């Protein structure tokens, strides 16, 4: 099945129901920019120390990365670094957009949420 076939199938599905697409579809994730406290080493490497979200500070216990990988659920326009981290034993991910210098997380939501 090529791209045209996939598009046509989304437009006129056999079941009569509109199929959900990857972007803003069944996963319903949104990109949320957040504040991050970062250590920048003399060699230029960056290490996130804490996240600030909704006026609460969350210290990062352990982190993995950076990895040059795009986010799983939201769209980006440039190179992105992915950092895995643990806060209170719970694993999550934060992204750094190299072209904008901004940090974001992928916030899960309902597929019925309006953008």
C-alpha atoms as a PDB file:
ATOM      1  CA  UNK A   1       0.000   0.000   0.000  1.00  0.00           C
ATOM      2  CA  UNK A   2       1.537   3.314  -1.052  1.00  0.00           C
ATOM      3  CA  UNK A   3       1.011   6.789   0.362  1.00  0.00           C
ATOM      4  CA  UNK A   4      -1.760   7.573  -2.123  1.00  0.00           C
ATOM      5  CA  UNK A   5      -3.574   4.356  -1.200  1.00  0.00           C
ATOM      6  CA  UNK A   6      -3.326   5.168   2.505  1.00  0.00           C
ATOM      7  CA  UNK A   7      -4.679   8.671   1.897  1.00  0.00           C
ATOM      8  CA  UNK A   8      -7.550   7.423  -0.227  1.00  0.00           C
ATOM      9  CA  UNK A   9      -8.376   4.776   2.369  1.00  0.00           C
ATOM     10  CA  UNK A  10      -8.510   7.435   5.102  1.00  0.00           C
ATOM     11  CA  UNK A  11     -10.784   9.540   2.929  1.00  0.00           C
ATOM     12  CA  UNK A  12     -13.135   6.728   1.940  1.00  0.00           C
ATOM     13  CA  UNK A  13     -12.766   3.882   4.434  1.00  0.00           C
ATOM     14  CA  UNK A  14     -14.605   0.671   3.703  1.00  0.00           C
ATOM     15  CA  UNK A  15     -16.171   0.577   7.175  1.00  0.00           C
ATOM     16  CA  UNK A  16     -17.835   3.966   6.690  1.00  0.00           C
ATOM     17  CA  UNK A  17     -15.979   5.424   9.680  1.00  0.00           C
ATOM     18  CA  UNK A  18     -13.274   8.047   9.336  1.00  0.00           C
ATOM     19  CA  UNK A  19      -9.889   6.639  10.284  1.00  0.00           C
ATOM     20  CA  UNK A  20      -7.766   8.497  12.780  1.00  0.00           C
ATOM     21  CA  UNK A  21      -4.426   9.792  11.598  1.00  0.00           C
ATOM     22  CA  UNK A  22      -1.076   9.828  13.402  1.00  0.00           C
ATOM     23  CA  UNK A  23      -1.032  13.597  13.907  1.00  0.00           C
ATOM     24  CA  UNK A  24      -3.609  14.621  16.487  1.00  0.00           C
ATOM     25  CA  UNK A  25      -5.309  11.287  16.058  1.00  0.00           C
ATOM     26  CA  UNK A  26      -5.753   8.333  18.302  1.00  0.00           C
ATOM     27  CA  UNK A  27      -2.872   9.153  20.626  1.00  0.00           C
ATOM     28  CA  UNK A  28      -4.018  12.691  21.392  1.00  0.00           C
ATOM     29  CA  UNK A  29      -0.622  13.941  22.602  1.00  0.00           C
ATOM     30  CA  UNK A  30       0.325  17.610  22.677  1.00  0.00           C
ATOM     31  CA  UNK A  31       3.684  19.348  22.884  1.00  0.00           C
ATOM     32  CA  UNK A  32       4.032  21.301  26.142  1.00  0.00           C
ATOM     33  CA  UNK A  33       7.002  23.636  26.541  1.00  0.00           C
ATOM     34  CA  UNK A  34       8.413  23.596  30.068  1.00  0.00           C
ATOM     35  CA  UNK A  35      11.146  25.240  32.116  1.00  0.00           C
ATOM     36  CA  UNK A  36      14.224  23.114  32.766  1.00  0.00           C
ATOM     37  CA  UNK A  37      17.124  23.777  35.125  1.00  0.00           C
ATOM     38  CA  UNK A  38      20.212  22.675  33.208  1.00  0.00           C
ATOM     39  CA  UNK A  39      23.905  22.171  33.935  1.00  0.00           C
ATOM     40  CA  UNK A  40      26.086  23.126  30.978  1.00  0.00           C
ATOM     41  CA  UNK A  41      29.526  21.587  31.300  1.00  0.00           C
ATOM     42  CA  UNK A  42      32.773  23.197  30.110  1.00  0.00           C
ATOM     43  CA  UNK A  43      32.817  20.764  27.169  1.00  0.00           C
ATOM     44  CA  UNK A  44      29.363  21.999  26.055  1.00  0.00           C
ATOM     45  CA  UNK A  45      27.378  18.941  27.141  1.00  0.00           C
ATOM     46  CA  UNK A  46      24.040  19.643  28.772  1.00  0.00           C
ATOM     47  CA  UNK A  47      22.433  17.792  31.655  1.00  0.00           C
ATOM     48  CA  UNK A  48      18.904  18.520  32.885  1.00  0.00           C
ATOM     49  CA  UNK A  49      18.781  18.787  36.703  1.00  0.00           C
ATOM     50  CA  UNK A  50      15.130  19.633  37.345  1.00  0.00           C
ATOM     51  CA  UNK A  51      11.846  20.318  35.542  1.00  0.00           C
ATOM     52  CA  UNK A  52       9.437  23.107  36.407  1.00  0.00           C
ATOM     53  CA  UNK A  53       5.844  22.397  35.421  1.00  0.00           C
ATOM     54  CA  UNK A  54       2.738  24.186  36.710  1.00  0.00           C
ATOM     55  CA  UNK A  55       4.884  26.146  39.204  1.00  0.00           C
ATOM     56  CA  UNK A  56       6.174  22.912  40.799  1.00  0.00           C
ATOM     57  CA  UNK A  57       9.834  21.865  40.709  1.00  0.00           C
ATOM     58  CA  UNK A  58      10.701  18.200  40.090  1.00  0.00           C
ATOM     59  CA  UNK A  59      14.317  17.166  40.709  1.00  0.00           C
ATOM     60  CA  UNK A  60      15.674  14.580  38.284  1.00  0.00           C
ATOM     61  CA  UNK A  61      17.098  11.576  40.136  1.00  0.00           C
ATOM     62  CA  UNK A  62      18.785   9.939  37.154  1.00  0.00           C
ATOM     63  CA  UNK A  63      18.918  10.663  33.434  1.00  0.00           C
ATOM     64  CA  UNK A  64      19.842   8.887  30.202  1.00  0.00           C
ATOM     65  CA  UNK A  65      20.957  10.590  27.039  1.00  0.00           C
ATOM     66  CA  UNK A  66      21.067  12.693  25.121  1.00  0.00           C
ATOM     67  CA  UNK A  67      19.902  10.728  22.108  1.00  0.00           C
ATOM     68  CA  UNK A  68      19.404  12.327  18.685  1.00  0.00           C
ATOM     69  CA  UNK A  69      15.834  11.098  18.238  1.00  0.00           C
ATOM     70  CA  UNK A  70      12.518  12.685  17.319  1.00  0.00           C
ATOM     71  CA  UNK A  71       9.570  12.583  19.713  1.00  0.00           C
ATOM     72  CA  UNK A  72       7.197   9.640  19.560  1.00  0.00           C
ATOM     73  CA  UNK A  73       3.868  11.448  19.288  1.00  0.00           C
ATOM     74  CA  UNK A  74       4.268  15.128  18.355  1.00  0.00           C
ATOM     75  CA  UNK A  75       5.684  16.970  15.349  1.00  0.00           C
ATOM     76  CA  UNK A  76       8.996  18.877  15.377  1.00  0.00           C
ATOM     77  CA  UNK A  77      10.633  20.954  12.663  1.00  0.00           C
ATOM     78  CA  UNK A  78      14.309  20.503  13.498  1.00  0.00           C
ATOM     79  CA  UNK A  79      16.868  18.352  15.276  1.00  0.00           C
ATOM     80  CA  UNK A  80      15.783  17.177  18.701  1.00  0.00           C
ATOM     81  CA  UNK A  81      17.666  15.657  21.635  1.00  0.00           C
ATOM     82  CA  UNK A  82      15.800  13.168  23.793  1.00  0.00           C
ATOM     83  CA  UNK A  83      16.601  12.701  27.470  1.00  0.00           C
ATOM     84  CA  UNK A  84      15.140   9.868  29.496  1.00  0.00           C
ATOM     85  CA  UNK A  85      14.917  10.605  33.202  1.00  0.00           C
ATOM     86  CA  UNK A  86      13.588   9.372  36.531  1.00  0.00           C
ATOM     87  CA  UNK A  87      11.698  11.456  39.080  1.00  0.00           C
ATOM     88  CA  UNK A  88      10.756   9.591  42.273  1.00  0.00           C
ATOM     89  CA  UNK A  89      11.423   6.282  40.488  1.00  0.00           C
ATOM     90  CA  UNK A  90       9.060   7.034  37.590  1.00  0.00           C
ATOM     91  CA  UNK A  91      10.569   7.119  34.094  1.00  0.00           C
ATOM     92  CA  UNK A  92       9.654   9.807  31.596  1.00  0.00           C
ATOM     93  CA  UNK A  93      11.134  11.761  28.695  1.00  0.00           C
ATOM     94  CA  UNK A  94      11.979  15.388  27.978  1.00  0.00           C
ATOM     95  CA  UNK A  95      13.046  16.809  24.602  1.00  0.00           C
ATOM     96  CA  UNK A  96      15.344  19.677  23.651  1.00  0.00           C
ATOM     97  CA  UNK A  97      14.764  21.428  20.322  1.00  0.00           C
ATOM     98  CA  UNK A  98      18.215  22.401  19.128  1.00  0.00           C
ATOM     99  CA  UNK A  99      16.972  24.946  16.592  1.00  0.00           C
ATOM    100  CA  UNK A 100      14.813  26.882  19.126  1.00  0.00           C
ATOM    101  CA  UNK A 101      16.670  26.155  22.378  1.00  0.00           C
ATOM    102  CA  UNK A 102      13.386  25.145  24.030  1.00  0.00           C
ATOM    103  CA  UNK A 103      12.459  22.113  26.147  1.00  0.00           C
ATOM    104  CA  UNK A 104       9.184  20.210  25.899  1.00  0.00           C
ATOM    105  CA  UNK A 105       7.345  17.094  27.004  1.00  0.00           C
ATOM    106  CA  UNK A 106       4.683  15.077  25.229  1.00  0.00           C
ATOM    107  CA  UNK A 107       1.513  15.413  27.293  1.00  0.00           C
ATOM    108  CA  UNK A 108      -1.029  12.642  26.831  1.00  0.00           C
ATOM    109  CA  UNK A 109      -4.622  13.715  26.495  1.00  0.00           C
ATOM    110  CA  UNK A 110      -7.937  12.567  25.226  1.00  0.00           C
ATOM    111  CA  UNK A 111      -8.373  12.084  21.510  1.00  0.00           C
ATOM    112  CA  UNK A 112     -11.444  14.273  21.918  1.00  0.00           C
ATOM    113  CA  UNK A 113      -9.464  17.245  23.286  1.00  0.00           C
ATOM    114  CA  UNK A 114      -9.556  20.291  21.047  1.00  0.00           C
ATOM    115  CA  UNK A 115      -6.117  21.640  20.015  1.00  0.00           C
END
